[in-house]
């Protein structure tokens, strides 16, 4: 297995083997007294087919200036008790459909290629969660579900149909213990 590389400056890191022959190296920087999570990651496609990685947010997010088109989007936060999961993924069309639906954006990742990126997110709630993890949606490239490719400094970004939400698989980090500042199992 070849490993993706990312500079993590002695931050706690985790390596994850995921669906479609993907390999993820991720580092979290979460500090007490600060409701911010800094996440750095490198994702490598060791498979034989191109993939779409749904870490680029939505068309609506780019249109309203919440993110830069082509840059990493703002993750959703799913809370369960004292645990929080940060999620970058294609989501199904909400019902009822809003005027400006959150159409997913994904970056293409060729076979043998790596993608290195980072994002920062303000954590919701009055205090740090006890545990934190990050999940990203990944699916094989399917031209029937993708349109409007745009070359960006970070790669070729595609607009995805809402059907992509059913076709993707989530690649998730282990839980990160914010008190002991380490990933579970490390």
Protein backbone atom coordinates (compact mmCIF):
# COMPACT_ATOMS: atom_id res chain seq x y z
CA UNK A 1 0.00 0.00 0.00
CA UNK A 2 1.38 3.37 -0.89
CA UNK A 3 0.57 6.04 1.64
CA UNK A 4 -0.53 9.57 0.91
CA UNK A 5 1.68 12.22 2.41
CA UNK A 6 0.69 15.34 4.29
CA UNK A 7 2.65 17.57 6.62
CA UNK A 8 1.13 17.24 10.05
CA UNK A 9 3.72 18.92 12.29
CA UNK A 10 3.47 16.37 15.12
CA UNK A 11 -0.34 16.60 15.26
CA UNK A 12 -2.27 13.42 16.12
CA UNK A 13 -2.89 11.57 12.87
CA UNK A 14 -4.80 8.56 11.61
CA UNK A 15 -4.47 6.36 8.54
CA UNK A 16 -7.60 4.83 7.07
CA UNK A 17 -8.09 2.40 4.21
CA UNK A 18 -11.41 3.14 2.58
CA UNK A 19 -13.79 2.10 -0.17
CA UNK A 20 -12.68 1.96 -3.82
CA UNK A 21 -9.01 1.41 -2.86
CA UNK A 22 -8.67 4.77 -1.15
CA UNK A 23 -6.16 5.60 1.55
CA UNK A 24 -6.55 8.57 3.85
CA UNK A 25 -4.06 10.26 6.14
CA UNK A 26 -5.67 12.85 8.40
CA UNK A 27 -4.52 15.09 11.25
CA UNK A 28 -6.72 17.02 13.68
CA UNK A 29 -5.80 20.11 15.65
CA UNK A 30 -8.44 20.67 18.34
CA UNK A 31 -7.49 22.62 21.45
CA UNK A 32 -9.29 23.05 24.78
CA UNK A 33 -10.97 26.42 25.20
CA UNK A 34 -11.22 26.86 21.44
CA UNK A 35 -14.33 25.71 19.55
CA UNK A 36 -12.41 25.27 16.32
CA UNK A 37 -11.22 22.12 14.55
CA UNK A 38 -8.41 22.29 12.01
CA UNK A 39 -8.32 19.24 9.75
CA UNK A 40 -5.52 18.41 7.31
CA UNK A 41 -5.77 15.43 5.02
CA UNK A 42 -4.40 13.59 2.03
CA UNK A 43 -6.52 11.12 0.11
CA UNK A 44 -4.96 8.72 -2.40
CA UNK A 45 -6.80 6.76 -5.09
CA UNK A 46 -4.99 3.43 -5.46
CA UNK A 47 -7.83 2.00 -7.54
CA UNK A 48 -8.20 1.56 -11.29
CA UNK A 49 -11.00 4.09 -11.89
CA UNK A 50 -11.31 7.82 -11.31
CA UNK A 51 -13.25 8.88 -8.22
CA UNK A 52 -15.31 11.87 -7.18
CA UNK A 53 -14.56 13.18 -3.68
CA UNK A 54 -17.42 15.20 -2.17
CA UNK A 55 -15.36 17.61 -0.06
CA UNK A 56 -16.04 20.66 -2.26
CA UNK A 57 -19.34 21.76 -0.74
CA UNK A 58 -22.31 22.87 -2.82
CA UNK A 59 -23.07 25.15 -5.75
CA UNK A 60 -25.24 27.26 -3.42
CA UNK A 61 -22.39 27.59 -0.88
CA UNK A 62 -20.11 28.89 -3.63
CA UNK A 63 -22.80 31.20 -5.04
CA UNK A 64 -23.41 32.92 -1.68
CA UNK A 65 -19.69 33.21 -0.86
CA UNK A 66 -19.71 30.66 1.98
CA UNK A 67 -16.83 28.92 0.16
CA UNK A 68 -14.60 29.46 -2.84
CA UNK A 69 -15.62 27.46 -5.91
CA UNK A 70 -13.16 24.59 -6.06
CA UNK A 71 -12.05 24.97 -2.45
CA UNK A 72 -13.02 22.67 0.40
CA UNK A 73 -16.58 23.33 1.54
CA UNK A 74 -17.91 23.80 5.04
CA UNK A 75 -18.73 20.39 6.56
CA UNK A 76 -22.09 19.59 8.12
CA UNK A 77 -22.04 18.68 11.80
CA UNK A 78 -23.98 15.68 13.08
CA UNK A 79 -24.23 15.47 16.87
CA UNK A 80 -25.04 12.41 18.94
CA UNK A 81 -24.73 13.07 22.66
CA UNK A 82 -21.19 14.36 23.24
CA UNK A 83 -19.92 13.10 19.86
CA UNK A 84 -19.73 15.19 16.68
CA UNK A 85 -19.17 13.95 13.14
CA UNK A 86 -18.00 16.47 10.55
CA UNK A 87 -19.41 15.44 7.15
CA UNK A 88 -18.42 16.32 3.61
CA UNK A 89 -20.81 14.34 1.40
CA UNK A 90 -23.37 14.57 -1.37
CA UNK A 91 -26.76 14.93 0.26
CA UNK A 92 -30.14 14.01 -1.25
CA UNK A 93 -32.46 16.74 -2.49
CA UNK A 94 -34.39 18.10 0.51
CA UNK A 95 -38.17 17.74 0.54
CA UNK A 96 -39.65 20.22 0.02
CA UNK A 97 -37.00 21.41 -2.41
CA UNK A 98 -35.61 24.86 -1.59
CA UNK A 99 -35.44 27.62 -4.21
CA UNK A 100 -31.67 27.21 -4.40
CA UNK A 101 -30.98 23.54 -3.66
CA UNK A 102 -27.63 22.48 -2.15
CA UNK A 103 -26.34 20.83 -5.35
CA UNK A 104 -23.21 18.79 -4.48
CA UNK A 105 -19.75 19.57 -5.85
CA UNK A 106 -16.97 17.00 -6.03
CA UNK A 107 -13.37 16.97 -7.16
CA UNK A 108 -12.12 14.30 -9.56
CA UNK A 109 -9.32 12.06 -8.29
CA UNK A 110 -7.58 10.04 -11.01
CA UNK A 111 -6.21 6.53 -10.43
CA UNK A 112 -2.85 6.79 -8.66
CA UNK A 113 -3.41 10.45 -7.75
CA UNK A 114 -3.50 12.10 -4.34
CA UNK A 115 -5.45 15.06 -3.07
CA UNK A 116 -4.10 17.11 -0.15
CA UNK A 117 -6.31 19.72 1.49
CA UNK A 118 -7.33 21.25 4.79
CA UNK A 119 -10.26 23.03 6.36
CA UNK A 120 -11.16 24.79 9.58
CA UNK A 121 -14.60 24.65 11.16
CA UNK A 122 -16.24 26.33 14.15
CA UNK A 123 -17.74 23.58 16.28
CA UNK A 124 -21.35 24.02 17.33
CA UNK A 125 -22.33 23.97 20.96
CA UNK A 126 -21.15 25.56 24.18
CA UNK A 127 -18.09 23.29 24.62
CA UNK A 128 -15.82 20.90 22.76
CA UNK A 129 -17.38 17.54 21.95
CA UNK A 130 -15.96 14.56 23.82
CA UNK A 131 -15.20 12.80 20.52
CA UNK A 132 -14.88 14.08 16.98
CA UNK A 133 -14.52 12.41 13.59
CA UNK A 134 -14.65 13.38 9.93
CA UNK A 135 -16.36 11.56 7.08
CA UNK A 136 -16.06 12.28 3.36
CA UNK A 137 -18.23 10.89 0.56
CA UNK A 138 -16.45 9.11 -2.30
CA UNK A 139 -17.83 7.41 -5.42
CA UNK A 140 -16.55 6.08 -8.74
CA UNK A 141 -16.72 8.63 -11.55
CA UNK A 142 -20.07 8.31 -13.39
CA UNK A 143 -20.64 10.78 -16.21
CA UNK A 144 -24.42 10.19 -16.03
CA UNK A 145 -24.43 11.77 -12.55
CA UNK A 146 -21.91 14.56 -13.20
CA UNK A 147 -21.98 17.76 -15.23
CA UNK A 148 -20.40 21.19 -15.71
CA UNK A 149 -16.72 20.38 -15.07
CA UNK A 150 -14.65 23.36 -14.01
CA UNK A 151 -10.87 23.39 -13.83
CA UNK A 152 -9.74 24.94 -10.53
CA UNK A 153 -6.35 25.26 -8.87
CA UNK A 154 -7.33 22.23 -6.76
CA UNK A 155 -8.39 20.05 -9.69
CA UNK A 156 -11.40 19.35 -11.90
CA UNK A 157 -14.59 20.07 -9.93
CA UNK A 158 -17.89 18.58 -11.07
CA UNK A 159 -21.50 19.39 -10.25
CA UNK A 160 -23.16 16.17 -9.11
CA UNK A 161 -26.77 15.09 -9.29
CA UNK A 162 -28.62 14.43 -6.06
CA UNK A 163 -28.60 10.72 -7.00
CA UNK A 164 -24.90 10.76 -6.09
CA UNK A 165 -25.94 10.72 -2.43
CA UNK A 166 -27.16 7.14 -2.90
CA UNK A 167 -24.08 6.00 -4.85
CA UNK A 168 -21.33 7.37 -2.62
CA UNK A 169 -19.71 5.62 0.30
CA UNK A 170 -18.44 7.47 3.34
CA UNK A 171 -14.82 7.22 4.36
CA UNK A 172 -14.56 8.07 8.07
CA UNK A 173 -11.69 8.64 10.47
CA UNK A 174 -11.58 6.84 13.79
CA UNK A 175 -13.02 8.85 16.68
CA UNK A 176 -10.70 11.56 17.98
CA UNK A 177 -10.67 11.94 21.79
CA UNK A 178 -10.56 15.72 22.34
CA UNK A 179 -9.51 15.37 26.01
CA UNK A 180 -6.59 13.02 25.44
CA UNK A 181 -5.85 14.52 21.98
CA UNK A 182 -5.50 11.25 20.13
CA UNK A 183 -7.38 9.05 17.71
CA UNK A 184 -8.93 5.92 19.19
CA UNK A 185 -6.84 2.86 18.44
CA UNK A 186 -3.62 4.82 18.10
